[in-house]
Amino acid sequence: MINHYYLACLVLALQITPVECFVQHHVVSITSPSNVRLLPSDSHLAAGATDVDEEQRFAFLMDIAQKLKLEIFDLEEGIYGYDSKDSRYGLEVIQTSIDISKNDGGLGLVLTEMASSVDGRGLVLIGEVTGNALQADPPLQVGDAITGIKAGPAFRERVTGSNYEVMVGETGKAKEIAMKSDGRIFLELNRVVERAPVTVEIDDGKSITTVEAMAGENLRRLIMRKGIKLYDEKTKRFDMPFASGDCAGEGLCGTCLVAVEVGEELLSPLSDTEKMIVRGRPLNWRASCRTVVGYDNKGGKIKICTHPQSRFADELNPGVRSLGKE
């Protein structure tokens, strides 16, 4: 059996203070465990299983914990966020709700604190899913990290990076409020998922290069990292049509254009900025700096051609594009 009071050093990449050693604490149960749904201790994070013993469960949770890092998003406001230390994995944001008005009125979660520090920060993961939580839609999974709690018309609490005392305290407040309103608690969670593989074929007009990428990678950075020619220096900037030269991926100039031949459904949707950049141009053109491959963690094959504007004389005309033109 695992002793849940032993010391464990978990590297959470914190930017306020140097990397610290965290003390691993005990399991906190919000309800008595019964009818438990667990995940096996292997790489298939989305698979469900039953009859998993405590040692397997803890090994699985520790594997997830060691993939996570805690980063500062806003130092002044004290806003934290999780990210993956392992490039093969990413974080999926899950929003779900639990109806606690049924059965015994319990939430149905057993929380396991994997790490904590003296300043109140920590890493708490869902260790078991039971009771009312089994009916959450979409479903909860062992290893999910709760990042936000909502109940009633006004209770909203961000709990990313909180230790178990804070997590259980805020969950208790949400439960009390929910029982006085609609009986439902809303949760936002981060889930560690294996990133899908994406094959990108890049035609620069002289040769075709095949690059193996992971879902979630930025297309411009992917092309630049492989040393493939992306820009036509004669292309006039979208934001300054009287000048040429790129904006280093800031999404301003519109000179990093690519034409998508295959796999458009594997790319992120156009942002408002990108819609302005490609307005009036072929529908398969994208601004690579604004494009993510394997959107929504979809794997597959993508084929693109770089600097398609080079084939059109008017694309290199200083007056062809400006913010004020359709």
C-alpha atoms as a PDB file:
ATOM      1  CA  MET A   1       0.000   0.000   0.000  1.00  0.00           C
ATOM      2  CA  ILE A   2       1.114   3.549  -0.665  1.00  0.00           C
ATOM      3  CA  ASN A   3       1.831   5.703   2.370  1.00  0.00           C
ATOM      4  CA  HIS A   4       0.130   8.996   1.529  1.00  0.00           C
ATOM      5  CA  TYR A   5       2.194  10.947   4.050  1.00  0.00           C
ATOM      6  CA  TYR A   6       5.637  10.396   2.531  1.00  0.00           C
ATOM      7  CA  LEU A   7       7.706  13.248   1.134  1.00  0.00           C
ATOM      8  CA  ALA A   8       7.847  13.678  -2.625  1.00  0.00           C
ATOM      9  CA  CYS A   9       9.676  16.277  -4.628  1.00  0.00           C
ATOM     10  CA  LEU A  10       7.501  17.394  -7.535  1.00  0.00           C
ATOM     11  CA  VAL A  11       8.951  19.894  -9.943  1.00  0.00           C
ATOM     12  CA  LEU A  12       6.370  22.598 -10.652  1.00  0.00           C
ATOM     13  CA  ALA A  13       7.985  25.295 -12.778  1.00  0.00           C
ATOM     14  CA  LEU A  14       7.069  28.351 -10.709  1.00  0.00           C
ATOM     15  CA  GLN A  15       8.236  31.764 -11.819  1.00  0.00           C
ATOM     16  CA  ILE A  16       7.783  33.604  -8.498  1.00  0.00           C
ATOM     17  CA  THR A  17      10.331  31.614  -6.544  1.00  0.00           C
ATOM     18  CA  PRO A  18      12.956  29.038  -7.460  1.00  0.00           C
ATOM     19  CA  VAL A  19      11.807  25.467  -8.047  1.00  0.00           C
ATOM     20  CA  GLU A  20      10.672  24.102  -4.697  1.00  0.00           C
ATOM     21  CA  CYS A  21      10.197  20.762  -2.971  1.00  0.00           C
ATOM     22  CA  PHE A  22       6.558  20.118  -2.178  1.00  0.00           C
ATOM     23  CA  VAL A  23       5.291  17.928   0.627  1.00  0.00           C
ATOM     24  CA  GLN A  24       2.880  15.238  -0.564  1.00  0.00           C
ATOM     25  CA  HIS A  25      -0.196  15.001   1.693  1.00  0.00           C
ATOM     26  CA  HIS A  26      -3.088  12.681   2.382  1.00  0.00           C
ATOM     27  CA  VAL A  27      -6.133  11.890   0.302  1.00  0.00           C
ATOM     28  CA  VAL A  28      -9.182  14.044   0.994  1.00  0.00           C
ATOM     29  CA  SER A  29     -12.553  12.372   0.432  1.00  0.00           C
ATOM     30  CA  ILE A  30     -15.560  14.574  -0.235  1.00  0.00           C
ATOM     31  CA  THR A  31     -17.868  11.570  -0.094  1.00  0.00           C
ATOM     32  CA  SER A  32     -17.609   7.935   0.867  1.00  0.00           C
ATOM     33  CA  PRO A  33     -16.190   5.960  -2.110  1.00  0.00           C
ATOM     34  CA  SER A  34     -18.566   3.526  -3.790  1.00  0.00           C
ATOM     35  CA  ASN A  35     -19.206   2.487  -7.374  1.00  0.00           C
ATOM     36  CA  VAL A  36     -15.826   3.947  -8.297  1.00  0.00           C
ATOM     37  CA  ARG A  37     -14.712   4.611 -11.876  1.00  0.00           C
ATOM     38  CA  LEU A  38     -10.934   4.643 -12.296  1.00  0.00           C
ATOM     39  CA  LEU A  39      -8.306   4.797 -14.987  1.00  0.00           C
ATOM     40  CA  PRO A  40      -5.554   2.205 -15.396  1.00  0.00           C
ATOM     41  CA  SER A  41      -1.925   3.161 -14.801  1.00  0.00           C
ATOM     42  CA  ASP A  42      -0.864   3.259 -18.437  1.00  0.00           C
ATOM     43  CA  SER A  43      -0.622   5.732 -21.308  1.00  0.00           C
ATOM     44  CA  HIS A  44      -4.281   5.492 -22.378  1.00  0.00           C
ATOM     45  CA  LEU A  45      -5.589   8.456 -20.439  1.00  0.00           C
ATOM     46  CA  ALA A  46      -9.083   8.277 -21.900  1.00  0.00           C
ATOM     47  CA  ALA A  47      -9.789   4.615 -21.069  1.00  0.00           C
ATOM     48  CA  GLY A  48     -11.965   3.711 -18.094  1.00  0.00           C
ATOM     49  CA  ALA A  49     -11.560   0.740 -15.772  1.00  0.00           C
ATOM     50  CA  THR A  50     -12.773  -0.712 -12.493  1.00  0.00           C
ATOM     51  CA  ASP A  51     -11.114  -2.775  -9.768  1.00  0.00           C
ATOM     52  CA  VAL A  52      -7.923  -0.713  -9.766  1.00  0.00           C
ATOM     53  CA  ASP A  53      -6.120  -0.950  -6.438  1.00  0.00           C
ATOM     54  CA  GLU A  54      -4.757   1.980  -4.455  1.00  0.00           C
ATOM     55  CA  GLU A  55      -1.183   1.464  -5.574  1.00  0.00           C
ATOM     56  CA  GLN A  56      -2.118   1.482  -9.272  1.00  0.00           C
ATOM     57  CA  ARG A  57      -4.277   4.536  -8.802  1.00  0.00           C
ATOM     58  CA  PHE A  58      -1.584   6.505  -7.024  1.00  0.00           C
ATOM     59  CA  ALA A  59       1.041   5.509  -9.611  1.00  0.00           C
ATOM     60  CA  PHE A  60      -1.284   6.779 -12.342  1.00  0.00           C
ATOM     61  CA  LEU A  61      -1.885  10.069 -10.513  1.00  0.00           C
ATOM     62  CA  MET A  62       1.834  10.571  -9.894  1.00  0.00           C
ATOM     63  CA  ASP A  63       2.513   9.993 -13.594  1.00  0.00           C
ATOM     64  CA  ILE A  64       0.076  12.797 -14.437  1.00  0.00           C
ATOM     65  CA  ALA A  65       1.463  15.071 -11.717  1.00  0.00           C
ATOM     66  CA  GLN A  66       4.971  14.741 -13.085  1.00  0.00           C
ATOM     67  CA  LYS A  67       3.751  15.902 -16.511  1.00  0.00           C
ATOM     68  CA  LEU A  68       2.309  19.146 -15.123  1.00  0.00           C
ATOM     69  CA  LYS A  69       3.870  22.488 -14.331  1.00  0.00           C
ATOM     70  CA  LEU A  70       2.301  25.499 -12.687  1.00  0.00           C
ATOM     71  CA  GLU A  71       2.920  28.860 -14.349  1.00  0.00           C
ATOM     72  CA  ILE A  72       2.137  32.448 -13.416  1.00  0.00           C
ATOM     73  CA  PHE A  73      -0.296  34.096 -15.842  1.00  0.00           C
ATOM     74  CA  ASP A  74      -0.744  37.317 -13.859  1.00  0.00           C
ATOM     75  CA  LEU A  75       1.630  37.933 -10.945  1.00  0.00           C
ATOM     76  CA  GLU A  76      -0.209  41.003  -9.645  1.00  0.00           C
ATOM     77  CA  GLU A  77      -3.586  39.260  -9.612  1.00  0.00           C
ATOM     78  CA  GLY A  78      -2.138  35.916  -8.481  1.00  0.00           C
ATOM     79  CA  ILE A  79      -3.538  34.021 -11.462  1.00  0.00           C
ATOM     80  CA  TYR A  80      -1.947  30.629 -12.138  1.00  0.00           C
ATOM     81  CA  GLY A  81      -2.309  28.118 -14.945  1.00  0.00           C
ATOM     82  CA  TYR A  82      -1.206  24.571 -15.654  1.00  0.00           C
ATOM     83  CA  ASP A  83       0.840  23.495 -18.651  1.00  0.00           C
ATOM     84  CA  SER A  84       2.484  20.258 -19.738  1.00  0.00           C
ATOM     85  CA  LYS A  85       6.211  19.730 -19.223  1.00  0.00           C
ATOM     86  CA  ASP A  86       6.158  16.870 -21.745  1.00  0.00           C
ATOM     87  CA  SER A  87       5.771  18.008 -25.366  1.00  0.00           C
ATOM     88  CA  ARG A  88       3.963  14.765 -26.226  1.00  0.00           C
ATOM     89  CA  TYR A  89       1.058  15.810 -24.023  1.00  0.00           C
ATOM     90  CA  GLY A  90      -1.260  18.790 -23.872  1.00  0.00           C
ATOM     91  CA  LEU A  91      -4.088  20.060 -21.679  1.00  0.00           C
ATOM     92  CA  GLU A  92      -7.736  19.827 -22.630  1.00  0.00           C
ATOM     93  CA  VAL A  93     -10.163  22.224 -20.938  1.00  0.00           C
ATOM     94  CA  ILE A  94     -13.291  20.445 -19.708  1.00  0.00           C
ATOM     95  CA  GLN A  95     -16.449  22.200 -18.502  1.00  0.00           C
ATOM     96  CA  THR A  96     -19.004  20.011 -16.769  1.00  0.00           C
ATOM     97  CA  SER A  97     -21.638  20.040 -14.038  1.00  0.00           C
ATOM     98  CA  ILE A  98     -22.766  17.751 -11.219  1.00  0.00           C
ATOM     99  CA  ASP A  99     -26.347  17.546  -9.947  1.00  0.00           C
ATOM    100  CA  ILE A 100     -25.960  17.150  -6.175  1.00  0.00           C
ATOM    101  CA  SER A 101     -29.698  17.214  -5.456  1.00  0.00           C
ATOM    102  CA  LYS A 102     -29.881  13.449  -6.035  1.00  0.00           C
ATOM    103  CA  ASN A 103     -28.940  10.535  -3.785  1.00  0.00           C
ATOM    104  CA  ASP A 104     -27.337  11.729  -0.546  1.00  0.00           C
ATOM    105  CA  GLY A 105     -26.589  15.225  -1.808  1.00  0.00           C
ATOM    106  CA  GLY A 106     -22.866  14.489  -2.007  1.00  0.00           C
ATOM    107  CA  LEU A 107     -20.564  15.754  -4.716  1.00  0.00           C
ATOM    108  CA  GLY A 108     -19.094  12.312  -5.346  1.00  0.00           C
ATOM    109  CA  LEU A 109     -15.407  13.167  -5.721  1.00  0.00           C
ATOM    110  CA  VAL A 110     -12.348  11.923  -3.868  1.00  0.00           C
ATOM    111  CA  LEU A 111      -9.498  14.425  -4.228  1.00  0.00           C
ATOM    112  CA  THR A 112      -5.842  13.477  -3.896  1.00  0.00           C
ATOM    113  CA  GLU A 113      -3.297  16.174  -3.136  1.00  0.00           C
ATOM    114  CA  MET A 114      -0.092  15.312  -4.962  1.00  0.00           C
ATOM    115  CA  ALA A 115       1.958  18.290  -3.764  1.00  0.00           C
ATOM    116  CA  SER A 116       1.755  21.420  -1.647  1.00  0.00           C
ATOM    117  CA  SER A 117       3.874  24.313  -0.402  1.00  0.00           C
ATOM    118  CA  VAL A 118       3.762  26.512   2.677  1.00  0.00           C
ATOM    119  CA  ASP A 119       2.294  29.450   0.742  1.00  0.00           C
ATOM    120  CA  GLY A 120      -0.951  27.666  -0.089  1.00  0.00           C
ATOM    121  CA  ARG A 121      -0.103  26.474  -3.580  1.00  0.00           C
ATOM    122  CA  GLY A 122      -0.463  22.830  -4.486  1.00  0.00           C
ATOM    123  CA  LEU A 123      -1.545  20.234  -6.979  1.00  0.00           C
ATOM    124  CA  VAL A 124      -4.830  18.419  -6.356  1.00  0.00           C
ATOM    125  CA  LEU A 125      -6.122  15.762  -8.753  1.00  0.00           C
ATOM    126  CA  ILE A 126      -9.363  13.803  -8.852  1.00  0.00           C
ATOM    127  CA  GLY A 127      -8.506  10.423  -7.339  1.00  0.00           C
ATOM    128  CA  GLU A 128     -11.901   8.726  -7.594  1.00  0.00           C
ATOM    129  CA  VAL A 129     -15.236   9.468  -9.262  1.00  0.00           C
ATOM    130  CA  THR A 130     -18.263   8.173  -7.341  1.00  0.00           C
ATOM    131  CA  GLY A 131     -21.933   8.791  -6.608  1.00  0.00           C
ATOM    132  CA  ASN A 132     -23.432  11.918  -8.207  1.00  0.00           C
ATOM    133  CA  ALA A 133     -20.167  12.725  -9.991  1.00  0.00           C
ATOM    134  CA  LEU A 134     -20.615   9.595 -12.131  1.00  0.00           C
ATOM    135  CA  GLN A 135     -23.510  11.385 -13.850  1.00  0.00           C
ATOM    136  CA  ALA A 136     -21.486  14.483 -14.785  1.00  0.00           C
ATOM    137  CA  ASP A 137     -21.870  15.467 -18.426  1.00  0.00           C
ATOM    138  CA  PRO A 138     -19.329  15.491 -19.973  1.00  0.00           C
ATOM    139  CA  PRO A 139     -17.845  12.782 -17.728  1.00  0.00           C
ATOM    140  CA  LEU A 140     -15.127  13.401 -15.162  1.00  0.00           C
ATOM    141  CA  GLN A 141     -11.982  11.302 -15.190  1.00  0.00           C
ATOM    142  CA  VAL A 142      -9.447  10.264 -12.590  1.00  0.00           C
ATOM    143  CA  GLY A 143      -6.450  12.597 -12.944  1.00  0.00           C
ATOM    144  CA  ASP A 144      -8.457  15.700 -13.885  1.00  0.00           C
ATOM    145  CA  ALA A 145      -7.357  18.914 -12.135  1.00  0.00           C
ATOM    146  CA  ILE A 146     -10.140  21.277 -11.033  1.00  0.00           C
ATOM    147  CA  THR A 147      -9.364  24.848 -12.063  1.00  0.00           C
ATOM    148  CA  GLY A 148     -12.683  26.616 -11.469  1.00  0.00           C
ATOM    149  CA  ILE A 149     -15.878  26.182  -9.426  1.00  0.00           C
ATOM    150  CA  LYS A 150     -19.241  27.828 -10.023  1.00  0.00           C
ATOM    151  CA  ALA A 151     -22.564  27.575  -8.173  1.00  0.00           C
ATOM    152  CA  GLY A 152     -25.739  29.626  -7.952  1.00  0.00           C
ATOM    153  CA  PRO A 153     -26.089  33.053  -9.559  1.00  0.00           C
ATOM    154  CA  ALA A 154     -22.917  34.620  -8.160  1.00  0.00           C
ATOM    155  CA  PHE A 155     -20.377  32.118  -6.778  1.00  0.00           C
ATOM    156  CA  ARG A 156     -17.307  31.911  -9.028  1.00  0.00           C
ATOM    157  CA  GLU A 157     -13.920  30.788  -7.763  1.00  0.00           C
ATOM    158  CA  ARG A 158     -10.643  30.136  -9.565  1.00  0.00           C
ATOM    159  CA  VAL A 159      -8.763  27.312  -7.795  1.00  0.00           C
ATOM    160  CA  THR A 160      -5.879  26.513 -10.150  1.00  0.00           C
ATOM    161  CA  GLY A 161      -2.771  25.687  -8.145  1.00  0.00           C
ATOM    162  CA  SER A 162      -4.613  25.582  -4.799  1.00  0.00           C
ATOM    163  CA  ASN A 163      -3.800  23.078  -2.063  1.00  0.00           C
ATOM    164  CA  TYR A 164      -6.403  20.659  -0.695  1.00  0.00           C
ATOM    165  CA  GLU A 165      -7.532  22.885   2.171  1.00  0.00           C
ATOM    166  CA  VAL A 166      -8.490  25.635  -0.272  1.00  0.00           C
ATOM    167  CA  MET A 167      -9.972  23.195  -2.790  1.00  0.00           C
ATOM    168  CA  VAL A 168     -12.172  21.435  -0.231  1.00  0.00           C
ATOM    169  CA  GLY A 169     -13.157  24.744   1.355  1.00  0.00           C
ATOM    170  CA  GLU A 170     -14.292  26.299  -1.911  1.00  0.00           C
ATOM    171  CA  THR A 171     -16.056  23.093  -2.950  1.00  0.00           C
ATOM    172  CA  GLY A 172     -17.913  23.107   0.358  1.00  0.00           C
ATOM    173  CA  LYS A 173     -19.054  26.700  -0.205  1.00  0.00           C
ATOM    174  CA  ALA A 174     -20.236  25.810  -3.710  1.00  0.00           C
ATOM    175  CA  LYS A 175     -22.184  22.827  -2.363  1.00  0.00           C
ATOM    176  CA  GLU A 176     -24.021  24.961   0.199  1.00  0.00           C
ATOM    177  CA  ILE A 177     -24.946  27.556  -2.426  1.00  0.00           C
ATOM    178  CA  ALA A 178     -25.988  24.932  -4.975  1.00  0.00           C
ATOM    179  CA  MET A 179     -28.334  23.228  -2.512  1.00  0.00           C
ATOM    180  CA  LYS A 180     -30.098  26.567  -1.998  1.00  0.00           C
ATOM    181  CA  SER A 181     -30.478  27.223  -5.736  1.00  0.00           C
ATOM    182  CA  ASP A 182     -30.638  24.715  -8.593  1.00  0.00           C
ATOM    183  CA  GLY A 183     -28.700  21.881  -6.938  1.00  0.00           C
ATOM    184  CA  ARG A 184     -25.954  21.950  -9.558  1.00  0.00           C
ATOM    185  CA  ILE A 185     -22.223  22.633  -9.263  1.00  0.00           C
ATOM    186  CA  PHE A 186     -20.275  23.613 -12.375  1.00  0.00           C
ATOM    187  CA  LEU A 187     -16.608  22.681 -12.702  1.00  0.00           C
ATOM    188  CA  GLU A 188     -13.842  23.669 -15.099  1.00  0.00           C
ATOM    189  CA  LEU A 189     -10.974  21.191 -15.290  1.00  0.00           C
ATOM    190  CA  ASN A 190      -7.668  20.571 -17.047  1.00  0.00           C
ATOM    191  CA  ARG A 191      -7.130  17.071 -18.425  1.00  0.00           C
ATOM    192  CA  VAL A 192      -3.767  15.744 -19.574  1.00  0.00           C
ATOM    193  CA  VAL A 193      -4.180  14.219 -23.046  1.00  0.00           C
ATOM    194  CA  GLU A 194      -1.745  12.670 -25.467  1.00  0.00           C
ATOM    195  CA  ARG A 195      -1.283  14.976 -28.447  1.00  0.00           C
ATOM    196  CA  ALA A 196      -2.273  13.493 -31.791  1.00  0.00           C
ATOM    197  CA  PRO A 197       0.428  13.147 -34.491  1.00  0.00           C
ATOM    198  CA  VAL A 198       0.130  15.365 -37.567  1.00  0.00           C
ATOM    199  CA  THR A 199       2.085  14.907 -40.818  1.00  0.00           C
ATOM    200  CA  VAL A 200       2.702  18.179 -42.674  1.00  0.00           C
ATOM    201  CA  GLU A 201       3.933  18.186 -46.287  1.00  0.00           C
ATOM    202  CA  ILE A 202       5.435  21.569 -47.204  1.00  0.00           C
ATOM    203  CA  ASP A 203       5.982  22.561 -50.847  1.00  0.00           C
ATOM    204  CA  ASP A 204       8.191  25.649 -51.131  1.00  0.00           C
ATOM    205  CA  GLY A 205       8.167  25.623 -54.938  1.00  0.00           C
ATOM    206  CA  LYS A 206      11.491  23.832 -55.218  1.00  0.00           C
ATOM    207  CA  SER A 207      11.102  20.735 -53.069  1.00  0.00           C
ATOM    208  CA  ILE A 208       8.641  19.006 -50.753  1.00  0.00           C
ATOM    209  CA  THR A 209       9.551  18.502 -47.113  1.00  0.00           C
ATOM    210  CA  THR A 210       7.621  16.170 -44.816  1.00  0.00           C
ATOM    211  CA  VAL A 211       7.511  17.200 -41.159  1.00  0.00           C
ATOM    212  CA  GLU A 212       6.137  15.109 -38.301  1.00  0.00           C
ATOM    213  CA  ALA A 213       4.396  17.428 -35.838  1.00  0.00           C
ATOM    214  CA  MET A 214       2.133  17.226 -32.809  1.00  0.00           C
ATOM    215  CA  ALA A 215      -1.386  18.596 -32.526  1.00  0.00           C
ATOM    216  CA  GLY A 216      -1.355  22.134 -31.177  1.00  0.00           C
ATOM    217  CA  GLU A 217       1.827  23.339 -32.889  1.00  0.00           C
ATOM    218  CA  ASN A 218       1.916  26.724 -34.589  1.00  0.00           C
ATOM    219  CA  LEU A 219       2.313  26.365 -38.360  1.00  0.00           C
ATOM    220  CA  ARG A 220       4.707  29.287 -38.844  1.00  0.00           C
ATOM    221  CA  ARG A 221       7.046  28.127 -36.094  1.00  0.00           C
ATOM    222  CA  LEU A 222       6.940  24.610 -37.504  1.00  0.00           C
ATOM    223  CA  ILE A 223       8.011  25.837 -40.949  1.00  0.00           C
ATOM    224  CA  MET A 224      10.683  28.197 -39.624  1.00  0.00           C
ATOM    225  CA  ARG A 225      12.141  25.545 -37.323  1.00  0.00           C
ATOM    226  CA  LYS A 226      12.813  23.334 -40.340  1.00  0.00           C
ATOM    227  CA  GLY A 227      14.583  26.158 -42.189  1.00  0.00           C
ATOM    228  CA  ILE A 228      12.033  26.182 -45.013  1.00  0.00           C
ATOM    229  CA  LYS A 229      11.615  29.417 -46.995  1.00  0.00           C
ATOM    230  CA  LEU A 230       8.306  30.915 -45.895  1.00  0.00           C
ATOM    231  CA  TYR A 231       8.449  34.543 -47.023  1.00  0.00           C
ATOM    232  CA  ASP A 232       8.641  36.277 -50.368  1.00  0.00           C
ATOM    233  CA  GLU A 233      10.593  39.426 -49.532  1.00  0.00           C
ATOM    234  CA  LYS A 234       8.708  41.380 -52.208  1.00  0.00           C
ATOM    235  CA  THR A 235       5.352  40.868 -50.479  1.00  0.00           C
ATOM    236  CA  LYS A 236       3.955  44.134 -49.154  1.00  0.00           C
ATOM    237  CA  ARG A 237       2.776  44.164 -45.577  1.00  0.00           C
ATOM    238  CA  PHE A 238      -0.927  44.038 -44.722  1.00  0.00           C
ATOM    239  CA  ASP A 239      -0.532  46.640 -41.967  1.00  0.00           C
ATOM    240  CA  MET A 240       1.878  48.855 -43.942  1.00  0.00           C
ATOM    241  CA  PRO A 241       1.226  48.298 -47.668  1.00  0.00           C
ATOM    242  CA  PHE A 242       3.962  50.777 -48.590  1.00  0.00           C
ATOM    243  CA  ALA A 243       6.603  48.539 -46.952  1.00  0.00           C
ATOM    244  CA  SER A 244       7.844  44.954 -47.164  1.00  0.00           C
ATOM    245  CA  GLY A 245       9.347  42.626 -44.592  1.00  0.00           C
ATOM    246  CA  ASP A 246       7.719  40.413 -41.980  1.00  0.00           C
ATOM    247  CA  CYS A 247       6.548  41.152 -38.423  1.00  0.00           C
ATOM    248  CA  ALA A 248       8.255  38.095 -36.841  1.00  0.00           C
ATOM    249  CA  GLY A 249       5.026  36.221 -36.277  1.00  0.00           C
ATOM    250  CA  GLU A 250       3.050  38.943 -34.516  1.00  0.00           C
ATOM    251  CA  GLY A 251       0.057  38.509 -36.820  1.00  0.00           C
ATOM    252  CA  LEU A 252       0.254  42.011 -38.273  1.00  0.00           C
ATOM    253  CA  CYS A 253       1.905  41.908 -41.674  1.00  0.00           C
ATOM    254  CA  GLY A 254       0.134  39.069 -43.511  1.00  0.00           C
ATOM    255  CA  THR A 255       3.286  38.025 -45.391  1.00  0.00           C
ATOM    256  CA  CYS A 256       3.549  34.458 -44.020  1.00  0.00           C
ATOM    257  CA  LEU A 257       0.794  33.156 -46.285  1.00  0.00           C
ATOM    258  CA  VAL A 258       0.393  29.485 -47.191  1.00  0.00           C
ATOM    259  CA  ALA A 259      -2.067  27.692 -49.460  1.00  0.00           C
ATOM    260  CA  VAL A 260      -3.673  24.600 -47.932  1.00  0.00           C
ATOM    261  CA  GLU A 261      -4.016  21.759 -50.436  1.00  0.00           C
ATOM    262  CA  VAL A 262      -5.068  18.958 -48.050  1.00  0.00           C
ATOM    263  CA  GLY A 263      -6.226  18.870 -44.438  1.00  0.00           C
ATOM    264  CA  GLU A 264      -7.944  22.211 -43.988  1.00  0.00           C
ATOM    265  CA  GLU A 265     -10.236  20.563 -41.417  1.00  0.00           C
ATOM    266  CA  LEU A 266      -7.172  19.873 -39.230  1.00  0.00           C
ATOM    267  CA  LEU A 267      -6.374  23.580 -38.849  1.00  0.00           C
ATOM    268  CA  SER A 268      -7.642  26.051 -36.275  1.00  0.00           C
ATOM    269  CA  PRO A 269     -10.567  28.314 -37.302  1.00  0.00           C
ATOM    270  CA  LEU A 270      -9.739  31.745 -38.695  1.00  0.00           C
ATOM    271  CA  SER A 271      -9.447  34.469 -36.074  1.00  0.00           C
ATOM    272  CA  ASP A 272     -10.887  37.931 -36.784  1.00  0.00           C
ATOM    273  CA  THR A 273      -7.390  39.229 -37.561  1.00  0.00           C
ATOM    274  CA  GLU A 274      -6.705  36.423 -39.997  1.00  0.00           C
ATOM    275  CA  LYS A 275     -10.066  36.951 -41.691  1.00  0.00           C
ATOM    276  CA  MET A 276      -8.973  40.521 -42.468  1.00  0.00           C
ATOM    277  CA  ILE A 277      -5.589  39.332 -43.757  1.00  0.00           C
ATOM    278  CA  VAL A 278      -7.033  36.765 -46.193  1.00  0.00           C
ATOM    279  CA  ARG A 279     -10.117  38.772 -47.192  1.00  0.00           C
ATOM    280  CA  GLY A 280     -10.482  38.788 -50.977  1.00  0.00           C
ATOM    281  CA  ARG A 281      -7.865  36.053 -51.381  1.00  0.00           C
ATOM    282  CA  PRO A 282      -8.397  32.359 -52.261  1.00  0.00           C
ATOM    283  CA  LEU A 283     -10.376  30.484 -49.618  1.00  0.00           C
ATOM    284  CA  ASN A 284      -7.555  28.012 -48.974  1.00  0.00           C
ATOM    285  CA  TRP A 285      -4.981  30.682 -48.048  1.00  0.00           C
ATOM    286  CA  ARG A 286      -4.010  30.990 -44.407  1.00  0.00           C
ATOM    287  CA  ALA A 287      -1.704  33.215 -42.365  1.00  0.00           C
ATOM    288  CA  SER A 288       0.652  30.607 -40.944  1.00  0.00           C
ATOM    289  CA  CYS A 289       1.482  32.623 -37.806  1.00  0.00           C
ATOM    290  CA  ARG A 290      -2.200  32.497 -36.822  1.00  0.00           C
ATOM    291  CA  THR A 291      -2.728  28.828 -37.660  1.00  0.00           C
ATOM    292  CA  VAL A 292      -2.496  25.798 -35.371  1.00  0.00           C
ATOM    293  CA  VAL A 293      -2.169  22.286 -36.790  1.00  0.00           C
ATOM    294  CA  GLY A 294      -4.142  19.403 -35.316  1.00  0.00           C
ATOM    295  CA  TYR A 295      -6.830  21.712 -33.949  1.00  0.00           C
ATOM    296  CA  ASP A 296      -8.983  20.095 -31.246  1.00  0.00           C
ATOM    297  CA  ASN A 297      -6.300  17.377 -30.970  1.00  0.00           C
ATOM    298  CA  LYS A 298      -7.090  15.898 -34.377  1.00  0.00           C
ATOM    299  CA  GLY A 299      -4.384  13.904 -36.139  1.00  0.00           C
ATOM    300  CA  GLY A 300      -3.902  13.395 -39.849  1.00  0.00           C
ATOM    301  CA  LYS A 301      -2.141  14.749 -42.939  1.00  0.00           C
ATOM    302  CA  ILE A 302      -1.811  18.355 -44.127  1.00  0.00           C
ATOM    303  CA  LYS A 303      -0.322  19.574 -47.411  1.00  0.00           C
ATOM    304  CA  ILE A 304       0.576  23.227 -47.913  1.00  0.00           C
ATOM    305  CA  CYS A 305       2.401  25.480 -50.369  1.00  0.00           C
ATOM    306  CA  THR A 306       4.428  28.391 -49.028  1.00  0.00           C
ATOM    307  CA  HIS A 307       4.298  32.010 -50.314  1.00  0.00           C
ATOM    308  CA  PRO A 308       1.403  31.410 -52.788  1.00  0.00           C
ATOM    309  CA  GLN A 309       1.213  35.184 -53.348  1.00  0.00           C
ATOM    310  CA  SER A 310       4.430  34.998 -55.380  1.00  0.00           C
ATOM    311  CA  ARG A 311       2.415  33.600 -58.289  1.00  0.00           C
ATOM    312  CA  PHE A 312       0.297  36.754 -58.552  1.00  0.00           C
ATOM    313  CA  ALA A 313       1.796  40.048 -59.641  1.00  0.00           C
ATOM    314  CA  ASP A 314      -0.869  42.156 -57.947  1.00  0.00           C
ATOM    315  CA  GLU A 315      -0.033  40.559 -54.583  1.00  0.00           C
ATOM    316  CA  LEU A 316       3.362  42.272 -54.744  1.00  0.00           C
ATOM    317  CA  ASN A 317       1.873  45.676 -55.557  1.00  0.00           C
ATOM    318  CA  PRO A 318       2.262  48.205 -52.700  1.00  0.00           C
ATOM    319  CA  GLY A 319      -1.384  49.241 -53.014  1.00  0.00           C
ATOM    320  CA  VAL A 320      -2.979  45.828 -53.141  1.00  0.00           C
ATOM    321  CA  ARG A 321      -3.811  45.559 -49.443  1.00  0.00           C
ATOM    322  CA  SER A 322      -4.624  47.998 -46.685  1.00  0.00           C
ATOM    323  CA  LEU A 323      -6.755  47.917 -43.585  1.00  0.00           C
ATOM    324  CA  GLY A 324      -9.303  50.166 -45.232  1.00  0.00           C
ATOM    325  CA  LYS A 325      -9.879  48.104 -48.359  1.00  0.00           C
ATOM    326  CA  GLU A 326     -12.258  45.236 -48.998  1.00  0.00           C
END
